[in-house]
Amino acid sequence: MAADDLHHPDAAGIDLVGVLAALGHPVRMEIVRTLARSGAEVYCGAVATGLPRSTVTHHLRTLREAGVIRQRPEGRKLFLTLRREDLERRFPGLLTLAVGDFPGPGPAVGPAP
């Protein structure tokens, strides 16, 4: 797979609705959290382990096309990076909020007492 075969939107083309939709699945959120914790490029085989390859491919494509991650092929391997700077420039604070150290989906928000 050549690098040219992978579509990565320009930073200016990253859309908030697309990013939120991409982050709206628990598997994709775990991938993003893994990349955020690593702070570096990660081999795709190290994320979403235990899932079928086709499922992981689907989730990675969704994140890439939304502009959340960048994929770099090297031979038969694929490496992933979080587009932290691009996302922070477009939507300040969003990534920090999304990958915060929350134990689960987050607290329920109800009416004020």
PDB file of N, CA and C in Angstrom:
ATOM      1  N   MET A   1       0.838  -1.165   0.000  1.00  0.00           N
ATOM      2  CA  MET A   1       0.000   0.000   0.000  1.00  0.00           C
ATOM      3  C   MET A   1       0.888   1.234   0.000  1.00  0.00           C
ATOM      4  N   ALA A   2       0.710   2.088  -0.945  1.00  0.00           N
ATOM      5  CA  ALA A   2       1.496   3.310  -1.038  1.00  0.00           C
ATOM      6  C   ALA A   2       0.873   4.392  -0.173  1.00  0.00           C
ATOM      7  N   ALA A   3       1.703   5.303   0.306  1.00  0.00           N
ATOM      8  CA  ALA A   3       1.208   6.395   1.146  1.00  0.00           C
ATOM      9  C   ALA A   3       0.168   7.220   0.405  1.00  0.00           C
ATOM     10  N   ASP A   4       0.297   7.311  -0.916  1.00  0.00           N
ATOM     11  CA  ASP A   4      -0.646   8.083  -1.710  1.00  0.00           C
ATOM     12  C   ASP A   4      -2.030   7.449  -1.732  1.00  0.00           C
ATOM     13  N   ASP A   5      -2.131   6.159  -1.418  1.00  0.00           N
ATOM     14  CA  ASP A   5      -3.417   5.472  -1.422  1.00  0.00           C
ATOM     15  C   ASP A   5      -4.269   5.840  -0.217  1.00  0.00           C
ATOM     16  N   LEU A   6      -3.675   6.420   0.795  1.00  0.00           N
ATOM     17  CA  LEU A   6      -4.390   6.752   2.018  1.00  0.00           C
ATOM     18  C   LEU A   6      -4.789   8.221   2.005  1.00  0.00           C
ATOM     19  N   HIS A   7      -6.081   8.491   2.106  1.00  0.00           N
ATOM     20  CA  HIS A   7      -6.559   9.873   2.131  1.00  0.00           C
ATOM     21  C   HIS A   7      -6.484  10.417   3.548  1.00  0.00           C
ATOM     22  N   HIS A   8      -5.767  11.512   3.696  1.00  0.00           N
ATOM     23  CA  HIS A   8      -5.701  12.239   4.959  1.00  0.00           C
ATOM     24  C   HIS A   8      -6.178  13.657   4.661  1.00  0.00           C
ATOM     25  N   PRO A   9      -7.255  14.109   5.289  1.00  0.00           N
ATOM     26  CA  PRO A   9      -7.710  15.469   5.004  1.00  0.00           C
ATOM     27  C   PRO A   9      -6.681  16.499   5.470  1.00  0.00           C
ATOM     28  N   ASP A  10      -6.620  17.612   4.756  1.00  0.00           N
ATOM     29  CA  ASP A  10      -5.784  18.722   5.199  1.00  0.00           C
ATOM     30  C   ASP A  10      -6.312  19.202   6.540  1.00  0.00           C
ATOM     31  N   ALA A  11      -5.457  19.844   7.316  1.00  0.00           N
ATOM     32  CA  ALA A  11      -5.870  20.322   8.637  1.00  0.00           C
ATOM     33  C   ALA A  11      -7.097  21.227   8.534  1.00  0.00           C
ATOM     34  N   ALA A  12      -7.124  22.090   7.527  1.00  0.00           N
ATOM     35  CA  ALA A  12      -8.255  23.002   7.367  1.00  0.00           C
ATOM     36  C   ALA A  12      -9.539  22.267   6.993  1.00  0.00           C
ATOM     37  N   GLY A  13      -9.410  21.066   6.456  1.00  0.00           N
ATOM     38  CA  GLY A  13     -10.575  20.294   6.042  1.00  0.00           C
ATOM     39  C   GLY A  13     -11.129  19.378   7.114  1.00  0.00           C
ATOM     40  N   ILE A  14     -10.520  19.391   8.290  1.00  0.00           N
ATOM     41  CA  ILE A  14     -11.018  18.547   9.377  1.00  0.00           C
ATOM     42  C   ILE A  14     -12.293  19.182   9.921  1.00  0.00           C
ATOM     43  N   ASP A  15     -13.363  18.393   9.920  1.00  0.00           N
ATOM     44  CA  ASP A  15     -14.698  18.858  10.276  1.00  0.00           C
ATOM     45  C   ASP A  15     -15.068  18.384  11.682  1.00  0.00           C
ATOM     46  N   LEU A  16     -15.612  19.277  12.498  1.00  0.00           N
ATOM     47  CA  LEU A  16     -15.963  18.931  13.872  1.00  0.00           C
ATOM     48  C   LEU A  16     -16.963  17.779  13.935  1.00  0.00           C
ATOM     49  N   VAL A  17     -17.973  17.806  13.100  1.00  0.00           N
ATOM     50  CA  VAL A  17     -18.977  16.736  13.109  1.00  0.00           C
ATOM     51  C   VAL A  17     -18.329  15.397  12.769  1.00  0.00           C
ATOM     52  N   GLY A  18     -17.427  15.389  11.804  1.00  0.00           N
ATOM     53  CA  GLY A  18     -16.731  14.158  11.433  1.00  0.00           C
ATOM     54  C   GLY A  18     -15.849  13.637  12.557  1.00  0.00           C
ATOM     55  N   VAL A  19     -15.161  14.546  13.242  1.00  0.00           N
ATOM     56  CA  VAL A  19     -14.301  14.150  14.364  1.00  0.00           C
ATOM     57  C   VAL A  19     -15.146  13.573  15.491  1.00  0.00           C
ATOM     58  N   LEU A  20     -16.238  14.254  15.824  1.00  0.00           N
ATOM     59  CA  LEU A  20     -17.101  13.762  16.900  1.00  0.00           C
ATOM     60  C   LEU A  20     -17.718  12.418  16.547  1.00  0.00           C
ATOM     61  N   ALA A  21     -18.114  12.247  15.299  1.00  0.00           N
ATOM     62  CA  ALA A  21     -18.668  10.958  14.869  1.00  0.00           C
ATOM     63  C   ALA A  21     -17.614   9.861  14.980  1.00  0.00           C
ATOM     64  N   ALA A  22     -16.385  10.179  14.580  1.00  0.00           N
ATOM     65  CA  ALA A  22     -15.307   9.188  14.654  1.00  0.00           C
ATOM     66  C   ALA A  22     -15.001   8.817  16.100  1.00  0.00           C
ATOM     67  N   LEU A  23     -15.094   9.779  16.995  1.00  0.00           N
ATOM     68  CA  LEU A  23     -14.807   9.520  18.405  1.00  0.00           C
ATOM     69  C   LEU A  23     -15.990   8.876  19.133  1.00  0.00           C
ATOM     70  N   GLY A  24     -17.102   8.737  18.439  1.00  0.00           N
ATOM     71  CA  GLY A  24     -18.322   8.247  19.063  1.00  0.00           C
ATOM     72  C   GLY A  24     -18.445   6.744  19.195  1.00  0.00           C
ATOM     73  N   HIS A  25     -17.367   6.012  19.024  1.00  0.00           N
ATOM     74  CA  HIS A  25     -17.400   4.547  19.172  1.00  0.00           C
ATOM     75  C   HIS A  25     -16.341   4.146  20.190  1.00  0.00           C
ATOM     76  N   PRO A  26     -16.681   3.249  21.121  1.00  0.00           N
ATOM     77  CA  PRO A  26     -15.722   2.875  22.172  1.00  0.00           C
ATOM     78  C   PRO A  26     -14.400   2.307  21.654  1.00  0.00           C
ATOM     79  N   VAL A  27     -14.428   1.547  20.582  1.00  0.00           N
ATOM     80  CA  VAL A  27     -13.177   0.990  20.038  1.00  0.00           C
ATOM     81  C   VAL A  27     -12.298   2.113  19.505  1.00  0.00           C
ATOM     82  N   ARG A  28     -12.902   3.049  18.789  1.00  0.00           N
ATOM     83  CA  ARG A  28     -12.115   4.163  18.244  1.00  0.00           C
ATOM     84  C   ARG A  28     -11.591   5.060  19.365  1.00  0.00           C
ATOM     85  N   MET A  29     -12.392   5.255  20.412  1.00  0.00           N
ATOM     86  CA  MET A  29     -11.910   6.047  21.549  1.00  0.00           C
ATOM     87  C   MET A  29     -10.717   5.366  22.207  1.00  0.00           C
ATOM     88  N   GLU A  30     -10.756   4.056  22.316  1.00  0.00           N
ATOM     89  CA  GLU A  30      -9.628   3.341  22.926  1.00  0.00           C
ATOM     90  C   GLU A  30      -8.379   3.455  22.049  1.00  0.00           C
ATOM     91  N   ILE A  31      -8.553   3.412  20.736  1.00  0.00           N
ATOM     92  CA  ILE A  31      -7.418   3.598  19.824  1.00  0.00           C
ATOM     93  C   ILE A  31      -6.818   4.985  20.032  1.00  0.00           C
ATOM     94  N   VAL A  32      -7.668   6.001  20.090  1.00  0.00           N
ATOM     95  CA  VAL A  32      -7.197   7.377  20.274  1.00  0.00           C
ATOM     96  C   VAL A  32      -6.510   7.524  21.629  1.00  0.00           C
ATOM     97  N   ARG A  33      -7.066   6.939  22.664  1.00  0.00           N
ATOM     98  CA  ARG A  33      -6.431   7.010  23.987  1.00  0.00           C
ATOM     99  C   ARG A  33      -5.068   6.322  23.977  1.00  0.00           C
ATOM    100  N   THR A  34      -4.980   5.187  23.298  1.00  0.00           N
ATOM    101  CA  THR A  34      -3.697   4.481  23.195  1.00  0.00           C
ATOM    102  C   THR A  34      -2.657   5.364  22.516  1.00  0.00           C
ATOM    103  N   LEU A  35      -3.049   6.008  21.425  1.00  0.00           N
ATOM    104  CA  LEU A  35      -2.125   6.887  20.706  1.00  0.00           C
ATOM    105  C   LEU A  35      -1.762   8.106  21.552  1.00  0.00           C
ATOM    106  N   ALA A  36      -2.727   8.652  22.265  1.00  0.00           N
ATOM    107  CA  ALA A  36      -2.466   9.826  23.102  1.00  0.00           C
ATOM    108  C   ALA A  36      -1.499   9.482  24.232  1.00  0.00           C
ATOM    109  N   ARG A  37      -1.678   8.319  24.837  1.00  0.00           N
ATOM    110  CA  ARG A  37      -0.783   7.902  25.928  1.00  0.00           C
ATOM    111  C   ARG A  37       0.628   7.642  25.422  1.00  0.00           C
ATOM    112  N   SER A  38       0.740   7.115  24.213  1.00  0.00           N
ATOM    113  CA  SER A  38       2.069   6.773  23.691  1.00  0.00           C
ATOM    114  C   SER A  38       2.875   8.026  23.368  1.00  0.00           C
ATOM    115  N   GLY A  39       2.208   9.034  22.843  1.00  0.00           N
ATOM    116  CA  GLY A  39       2.898  10.257  22.469  1.00  0.00           C
ATOM    117  C   GLY A  39       3.813  10.102  21.270  1.00  0.00           C
ATOM    118  N   ALA A  40       3.771   8.945  20.628  1.00  0.00           N
ATOM    119  CA  ALA A  40       4.644   8.681  19.482  1.00  0.00           C
ATOM    120  C   ALA A  40       3.901   7.812  18.473  1.00  0.00           C
ATOM    121  N   GLU A  41       4.588   7.497  17.413  1.00  0.00           N
ATOM    122  CA  GLU A  41       4.038   6.621  16.388  1.00  0.00           C
ATOM    123  C   GLU A  41       3.879   5.205  16.956  1.00  0.00           C
ATOM    124  N   VAL A  42       2.773   4.550  16.608  1.00  0.00           N
ATOM    125  CA  VAL A  42       2.463   3.222  17.139  1.00  0.00           C
ATOM    126  C   VAL A  42       2.170   2.280  15.978  1.00  0.00           C
ATOM    127  N   TYR A  43       2.684   1.065  16.066  1.00  0.00           N
ATOM    128  CA  TYR A  43       2.389   0.021  15.077  1.00  0.00           C
ATOM    129  C   TYR A  43       0.919  -0.349  15.200  1.00  0.00           C
ATOM    130  N   CYS A  44       0.212  -0.464  14.079  1.00  0.00           N
ATOM    131  CA  CYS A  44      -1.234  -0.702  14.121  1.00  0.00           C
ATOM    132  C   CYS A  44      -1.590  -2.014  14.810  1.00  0.00           C
ATOM    133  N   GLY A  45      -0.682  -2.979  14.827  1.00  0.00           N
ATOM    134  CA  GLY A  45      -0.946  -4.237  15.508  1.00  0.00           C
ATOM    135  C   GLY A  45      -0.996  -4.111  17.019  1.00  0.00           C
ATOM    136  N   ALA A  46      -0.587  -2.950  17.538  1.00  0.00           N
ATOM    137  CA  ALA A  46      -0.572  -2.735  18.985  1.00  0.00           C
ATOM    138  C   ALA A  46      -1.860  -2.091  19.496  1.00  0.00           C
ATOM    139  N   VAL A  47      -2.779  -1.757  18.594  1.00  0.00           N
ATOM    140  CA  VAL A  47      -4.040  -1.141  19.012  1.00  0.00           C
ATOM    141  C   VAL A  47      -5.197  -2.082  18.716  1.00  0.00           C
ATOM    142  N   ALA A  48      -6.226  -1.983  19.516  1.00  0.00           N
ATOM    143  CA  ALA A  48      -7.453  -2.766  19.325  1.00  0.00           C
ATOM    144  C   ALA A  48      -7.158  -4.250  19.154  1.00  0.00           C
ATOM    145  N   THR A  49      -6.292  -4.766  20.003  1.00  0.00           N
ATOM    146  CA  THR A  49      -5.945  -6.181  19.923  1.00  0.00           C
ATOM    147  C   THR A  49      -7.153  -7.028  20.301  1.00  0.00           C
ATOM    148  N   GLY A  50      -7.226  -8.196  19.714  1.00  0.00           N
ATOM    149  CA  GLY A  50      -8.321  -9.108  19.996  1.00  0.00           C
ATOM    150  C   GLY A  50      -9.514  -8.943  19.077  1.00  0.00           C
ATOM    151  N   LEU A  51      -9.480  -7.950  18.211  1.00  0.00           N
ATOM    152  CA  LEU A  51     -10.567  -7.742  17.257  1.00  0.00           C
ATOM    153  C   LEU A  51     -10.170  -8.295  15.897  1.00  0.00           C
ATOM    154  N   PRO A  52     -11.153  -8.677  15.085  1.00  0.00           N
ATOM    155  CA  PRO A  52     -10.824  -9.124  13.724  1.00  0.00           C
ATOM    156  C   PRO A  52     -10.120  -8.010  12.945  1.00  0.00           C
ATOM    157  N   ARG A  53      -9.223  -8.410  12.089  1.00  0.00           N
ATOM    158  CA  ARG A  53      -8.435  -7.446  11.297  1.00  0.00           C
ATOM    159  C   ARG A  53      -9.335  -6.496  10.504  1.00  0.00           C
ATOM    160  N   SER A  54     -10.420  -7.026   9.920  1.00  0.00           N
ATOM    161  CA  SER A  54     -11.322  -6.186   9.129  1.00  0.00           C
ATOM    162  C   SER A  54     -12.000  -5.125  10.000  1.00  0.00           C
ATOM    163  N   THR A  55     -12.299  -5.463  11.233  1.00  0.00           N
ATOM    164  CA  THR A  55     -12.917  -4.502  12.154  1.00  0.00           C
ATOM    165  C   THR A  55     -11.936  -3.391  12.499  1.00  0.00           C
ATOM    166  N   VAL A  56     -10.704  -3.757  12.794  1.00  0.00           N
ATOM    167  CA  VAL A  56      -9.678  -2.759  13.107  1.00  0.00           C
ATOM    168  C   VAL A  56      -9.452  -1.854  11.900  1.00  0.00           C
ATOM    169  N   THR A  57      -9.381  -2.435  10.711  1.00  0.00           N
ATOM    170  CA  THR A  57      -9.198  -1.660   9.479  1.00  0.00           C
ATOM    171  C   THR A  57     -10.314  -0.638   9.318  1.00  0.00           C
ATOM    172  N   HIS A  58     -11.538  -1.053   9.558  1.00  0.00           N
ATOM    173  CA  HIS A  58     -12.689  -0.144   9.452  1.00  0.00           C
ATOM    174  C   HIS A  58     -12.544   1.027  10.429  1.00  0.00           C
ATOM    175  N   HIS A  59     -12.217   0.731  11.674  1.00  0.00           N
ATOM    176  CA  HIS A  59     -12.098   1.790  12.679  1.00  0.00           C
ATOM    177  C   HIS A  59     -10.936   2.734  12.368  1.00  0.00           C
ATOM    178  N   LEU A  60      -9.822   2.195  11.906  1.00  0.00           N
ATOM    179  CA  LEU A  60      -8.681   3.046  11.548  1.00  0.00           C
ATOM    180  C   LEU A  60      -9.020   3.940  10.363  1.00  0.00           C
ATOM    181  N   ARG A  61      -9.724   3.399   9.375  1.00  0.00           N
ATOM    182  CA  ARG A  61     -10.121   4.204   8.216  1.00  0.00           C
ATOM    183  C   ARG A  61     -11.040   5.344   8.655  1.00  0.00           C
ATOM    184  N   THR A  62     -11.986   5.048   9.533  1.00  0.00           N
ATOM    185  CA  THR A  62     -12.906   6.076  10.019  1.00  0.00           C
ATOM    186  C   THR A  62     -12.144   7.199  10.716  1.00  0.00           C
ATOM    187  N   LEU A  63     -11.202   6.842  11.571  1.00  0.00           N
ATOM    188  CA  LEU A  63     -10.400   7.848  12.271  1.00  0.00           C
ATOM    189  C   LEU A  63      -9.526   8.643  11.304  1.00  0.00           C
ATOM    190  N   ARG A  64      -8.927   7.958  10.339  1.00  0.00           N
ATOM    191  CA  ARG A  64      -8.056   8.634   9.367  1.00  0.00           C
ATOM    192  C   ARG A  64      -8.849   9.605   8.504  1.00  0.00           C
ATOM    193  N   GLU A  65      -9.994   9.156   7.977  1.00  0.00           N
ATOM    194  CA  GLU A  65     -10.781  10.008   7.087  1.00  0.00           C
ATOM    195  C   GLU A  65     -11.393  11.202   7.815  1.00  0.00           C
ATOM    196  N   ALA A  66     -11.571  11.084   9.131  1.00  0.00           N
ATOM    197  CA  ALA A  66     -12.071  12.206   9.926  1.00  0.00           C
ATOM    198  C   ALA A  66     -10.951  13.181  10.285  1.00  0.00           C
ATOM    199  N   GLY A  67      -9.694  12.772  10.070  1.00  0.00           N
ATOM    200  CA  GLY A  67      -8.560  13.632  10.382  1.00  0.00           C
ATOM    201  C   GLY A  67      -8.043  13.476  11.797  1.00  0.00           C
ATOM    202  N   VAL A  68      -8.447  12.407  12.484  1.00  0.00           N
ATOM    203  CA  VAL A  68      -8.022  12.196  13.865  1.00  0.00           C
ATOM    204  C   VAL A  68      -6.641  11.554  13.925  1.00  0.00           C
ATOM    205  N   ILE A  69      -6.354  10.643  13.005  1.00  0.00           N
ATOM    206  CA  ILE A  69      -5.052   9.966  12.991  1.00  0.00           C
ATOM    207  C   ILE A  69      -4.414  10.088  11.615  1.00  0.00           C
ATOM    208  N   ARG A  70      -3.121   9.817  11.593  1.00  0.00           N
ATOM    209  CA  ARG A  70      -2.379   9.713  10.337  1.00  0.00           C
ATOM    210  C   ARG A  70      -1.823   8.298  10.279  1.00  0.00           C
ATOM    211  N   GLN A  71      -1.948   7.660   9.114  1.00  0.00           N
ATOM    212  CA  GLN A  71      -1.415   6.319   8.910  1.00  0.00           C
ATOM    213  C   GLN A  71      -0.241   6.402   7.947  1.00  0.00           C
ATOM    214  N   ARG A  72       0.848   5.709   8.316  1.00  0.00           N
ATOM    215  CA  ARG A  72       2.038   5.702   7.471  1.00  0.00           C
ATOM    216  C   ARG A  72       2.443   4.261   7.206  1.00  0.00           C
ATOM    217  N   PRO A  73       2.324   3.841   5.941  1.00  0.00           N
ATOM    218  CA  PRO A  73       2.765   2.481   5.623  1.00  0.00           C
ATOM    219  C   PRO A  73       4.282   2.411   5.514  1.00  0.00           C
ATOM    220  N   GLU A  74       4.820   1.299   5.981  1.00  0.00           N
ATOM    221  CA  GLU A  74       6.251   1.024   5.837  1.00  0.00           C
ATOM    222  C   GLU A  74       6.374  -0.460   5.527  1.00  0.00           C
ATOM    223  N   GLY A  75       6.599  -0.758   4.262  1.00  0.00           N
ATOM    224  CA  GLY A  75       6.596  -2.155   3.842  1.00  0.00           C
ATOM    225  C   GLY A  75       5.213  -2.729   4.038  1.00  0.00           C
ATOM    226  N   ARG A  76       5.139  -3.827   4.768  1.00  0.00           N
ATOM    227  CA  ARG A  76       3.842  -4.455   5.040  1.00  0.00           C
ATOM    228  C   ARG A  76       3.228  -3.998   6.357  1.00  0.00           C
ATOM    229  N   LYS A  77       3.894  -3.078   7.027  1.00  0.00           N
ATOM    230  CA  LYS A  77       3.411  -2.586   8.320  1.00  0.00           C
ATOM    231  C   LYS A  77       2.766  -1.215   8.159  1.00  0.00           C
ATOM    232  N   LEU A  78       1.915  -0.891   9.116  1.00  0.00           N
ATOM    233  CA  LEU A  78       1.232   0.392   9.114  1.00  0.00           C
ATOM    234  C   LEU A  78       1.437   1.034  10.484  1.00  0.00           C
ATOM    235  N   PHE A  79       1.875   2.281  10.480  1.00  0.00           N
ATOM    236  CA  PHE A  79       2.133   3.000  11.718  1.00  0.00           C
ATOM    237  C   PHE A  79       1.138   4.142  11.861  1.00  0.00           C
ATOM    238  N   LEU A  80       0.731   4.401  13.096  1.00  0.00           N
ATOM    239  CA  LEU A  80      -0.313   5.375  13.390  1.00  0.00           C
ATOM    240  C   LEU A  80       0.218   6.487  14.276  1.00  0.00           C
ATOM    241  N   THR A  81      -0.242   7.705  14.004  1.00  0.00           N
ATOM    242  CA  THR A  81       0.029   8.828  14.899  1.00  0.00           C
ATOM    243  C   THR A  81      -1.258   9.618  15.069  1.00  0.00           C
ATOM    244  N   LEU A  82      -1.407  10.195  16.228  1.00  0.00           N
ATOM    245  CA  LEU A  82      -2.534  11.058  16.528  1.00  0.00           C
ATOM    246  C   LEU A  82      -2.226  12.440  15.964  1.00  0.00           C
ATOM    247  N   ARG A  83      -3.169  13.035  15.268  1.00  0.00           N
ATOM    248  CA  ARG A  83      -2.959  14.365  14.688  1.00  0.00           C
ATOM    249  C   ARG A  83      -3.257  15.438  15.740  1.00  0.00           C
ATOM    250  N   ARG A  84      -2.545  15.344  16.826  1.00  0.00           N
ATOM    251  CA  ARG A  84      -2.767  16.195  17.999  1.00  0.00           C
ATOM    252  C   ARG A  84      -2.689  17.687  17.656  1.00  0.00           C
ATOM    253  N   GLU A  85      -1.643  18.098  16.972  1.00  0.00           N
ATOM    254  CA  GLU A  85      -1.461  19.522  16.670  1.00  0.00           C
ATOM    255  C   GLU A  85      -2.566  20.039  15.755  1.00  0.00           C
ATOM    256  N   ASP A  86      -2.901  19.276  14.717  1.00  0.00           N
ATOM    257  CA  ASP A  86      -3.963  19.697  13.794  1.00  0.00           C
ATOM    258  C   ASP A  86      -5.299  19.821  14.515  1.00  0.00           C
ATOM    259  N   LEU A  87      -5.610  18.840  15.356  1.00  0.00           N
ATOM    260  CA  LEU A  87      -6.881  18.870  16.079  1.00  0.00           C
ATOM    261  C   LEU A  87      -6.915  20.006  17.095  1.00  0.00           C
ATOM    262  N   GLU A  88      -5.805  20.235  17.768  1.00  0.00           N
ATOM    263  CA  GLU A  88      -5.757  21.313  18.759  1.00  0.00           C
ATOM    264  C   GLU A  88      -5.889  22.681  18.090  1.00  0.00           C
ATOM    265  N   ARG A  89      -5.291  22.830  16.929  1.00  0.00           N
ATOM    266  CA  ARG A  89      -5.382  24.089  16.197  1.00  0.00           C
ATOM    267  C   ARG A  89      -6.821  24.338  15.725  1.00  0.00           C
ATOM    268  N   ARG A  90      -7.486  23.298  15.238  1.00  0.00           N
ATOM    269  CA  ARG A  90      -8.861  23.437  14.726  1.00  0.00           C
ATOM    270  C   ARG A  90      -9.888  23.539  15.851  1.00  0.00           C
ATOM    271  N   PHE A  91      -9.726  22.705  16.881  1.00  0.00           N
ATOM    272  CA  PHE A  91     -10.721  22.616  17.952  1.00  0.00           C
ATOM    273  C   PHE A  91     -10.004  22.585  19.306  1.00  0.00           C
ATOM    274  N   PRO A  92      -9.554  23.751  19.789  1.00  0.00           N
ATOM    275  CA  PRO A  92      -8.767  23.799  21.021  1.00  0.00           C
ATOM    276  C   PRO A  92      -9.470  23.111  22.198  1.00  0.00           C
ATOM    277  N   GLY A  93      -8.745  22.210  22.849  1.00  0.00           N
ATOM    278  CA  GLY A  93      -9.244  21.530  24.032  1.00  0.00           C
ATOM    279  C   GLY A  93     -10.063  20.280  23.777  1.00  0.00           C
ATOM    280  N   LEU A  94     -10.492  20.056  22.550  1.00  0.00           N
ATOM    281  CA  LEU A  94     -11.355  18.907  22.260  1.00  0.00           C
ATOM    282  C   LEU A  94     -10.654  17.585  22.536  1.00  0.00           C
ATOM    283  N   LEU A  95      -9.457  17.442  22.057  1.00  0.00           N
ATOM    284  CA  LEU A  95      -8.740  16.180  22.233  1.00  0.00           C
ATOM    285  C   LEU A  95      -8.435  15.922  23.708  1.00  0.00           C
ATOM    286  N   THR A  96      -8.052  16.952  24.424  1.00  0.00           N
ATOM    287  CA  THR A  96      -7.786  16.805  25.854  1.00  0.00           C
ATOM    288  C   THR A  96      -9.040  16.340  26.579  1.00  0.00           C
ATOM    289  N   LEU A  97     -10.163  16.915  26.242  1.00  0.00           N
ATOM    290  CA  LEU A  97     -11.429  16.513  26.849  1.00  0.00           C
ATOM    291  C   LEU A  97     -11.787  15.078  26.471  1.00  0.00           C
ATOM    292  N   ALA A  98     -11.590  14.738  25.209  1.00  0.00           N
ATOM    293  CA  ALA A  98     -11.981  13.412  24.713  1.00  0.00           C
ATOM    294  C   ALA A  98     -11.134  12.291  25.295  1.00  0.00           C
ATOM    295  N   VAL A  99      -9.852  12.516  25.486  1.00  0.00           N
ATOM    296  CA  VAL A  99      -8.978  11.431  25.948  1.00  0.00           C
ATOM    297  C   VAL A  99      -8.596  11.576  27.412  1.00  0.00           C
ATOM    298  N   GLY A 100      -9.316  12.405  28.136  1.00  0.00           N
ATOM    299  CA  GLY A 100      -9.044  12.568  29.559  1.00  0.00           C
ATOM    300  C   GLY A 100      -9.076  11.232  30.272  1.00  0.00           C
ATOM    301  N   ASP A 101      -8.562  11.202  31.453  1.00  0.00           N
ATOM    302  CA  ASP A 101      -8.477   9.957  32.220  1.00  0.00           C
ATOM    303  C   ASP A 101      -9.805   9.630  32.883  1.00  0.00           C
ATOM    304  N   PHE A 102     -10.805   9.345  32.067  1.00  0.00           N
ATOM    305  CA  PHE A 102     -12.108   8.952  32.573  1.00  0.00           C
ATOM    306  C   PHE A 102     -12.173   7.437  32.594  1.00  0.00           C
ATOM    307  N   PRO A 103     -12.727   6.847  33.655  1.00  0.00           N
ATOM    308  CA  PRO A 103     -12.775   5.394  33.751  1.00  0.00           C
ATOM    309  C   PRO A 103     -13.746   4.757  32.775  1.00  0.00           C
ATOM    310  N   GLY A 104     -14.688   5.470  32.281  1.00  0.00           N
ATOM    311  CA  GLY A 104     -15.687   4.900  31.375  1.00  0.00           C
ATOM    312  C   GLY A 104     -16.282   5.994  30.529  1.00  0.00           C
ATOM    313  N   PRO A 105     -17.564   5.873  30.211  1.00  0.00           N
ATOM    314  CA  PRO A 105     -18.195   6.855  29.349  1.00  0.00           C
ATOM    315  C   PRO A 105     -18.330   8.226  29.986  1.00  0.00           C
ATOM    316  N   GLY A 106     -18.082   8.333  31.277  1.00  0.00           N
ATOM    317  CA  GLY A 106     -18.171   9.621  31.937  1.00  0.00           C
ATOM    318  C   GLY A 106     -19.401   9.693  32.817  1.00  0.00           C
ATOM    319  N   PRO A 107     -19.452  10.701  33.666  1.00  0.00           N
ATOM    320  CA  PRO A 107     -20.573  10.815  34.584  1.00  0.00           C
ATOM    321  C   PRO A 107     -21.848  11.199  33.853  1.00  0.00           C
ATOM    322  N   ALA A 108     -22.966  10.734  34.382  1.00  0.00           N
ATOM    323  CA  ALA A 108     -24.254  11.116  33.811  1.00  0.00           C
ATOM    324  C   ALA A 108     -24.516  12.567  34.175  1.00  0.00           C
ATOM    325  N   VAL A 109     -25.052  13.298  33.237  1.00  0.00           N
ATOM    326  CA  VAL A 109     -25.370  14.697  33.473  1.00  0.00           C
ATOM    327  C   VAL A 109     -26.871  14.790  33.656  1.00  0.00           C
ATOM    328  N   GLY A 110     -27.279  15.293  34.778  1.00  0.00           N
ATOM    329  CA  GLY A 110     -28.703  15.415  35.067  1.00  0.00           C
ATOM    330  C   GLY A 110     -29.047  16.840  35.418  1.00  0.00           C
ATOM    331  N   PRO A 111     -30.294  17.067  35.785  1.00  0.00           N
ATOM    332  CA  PRO A 111     -30.697  18.424  36.147  1.00  0.00           C
ATOM    333  C   PRO A 111     -29.999  18.871  37.428  1.00  0.00           C
ATOM    334  N   ALA A 112     -29.786  20.138  37.530  1.00  0.00           N
ATOM    335  CA  ALA A 112     -29.150  20.700  38.725  1.00  0.00           C
ATOM    336  C   ALA A 112     -30.066  20.497  39.922  1.00  0.00           C
ATOM    337  N   PRO A 113     -29.484  20.237  41.109  1.00  0.00           N
ATOM    338  CA  PRO A 113     -30.319  20.015  42.308  1.00  0.00           C
ATOM    339  C   PRO A 113     -31.054  21.264  42.739  1.00  0.00           C
TER     340      PRO A 113
END
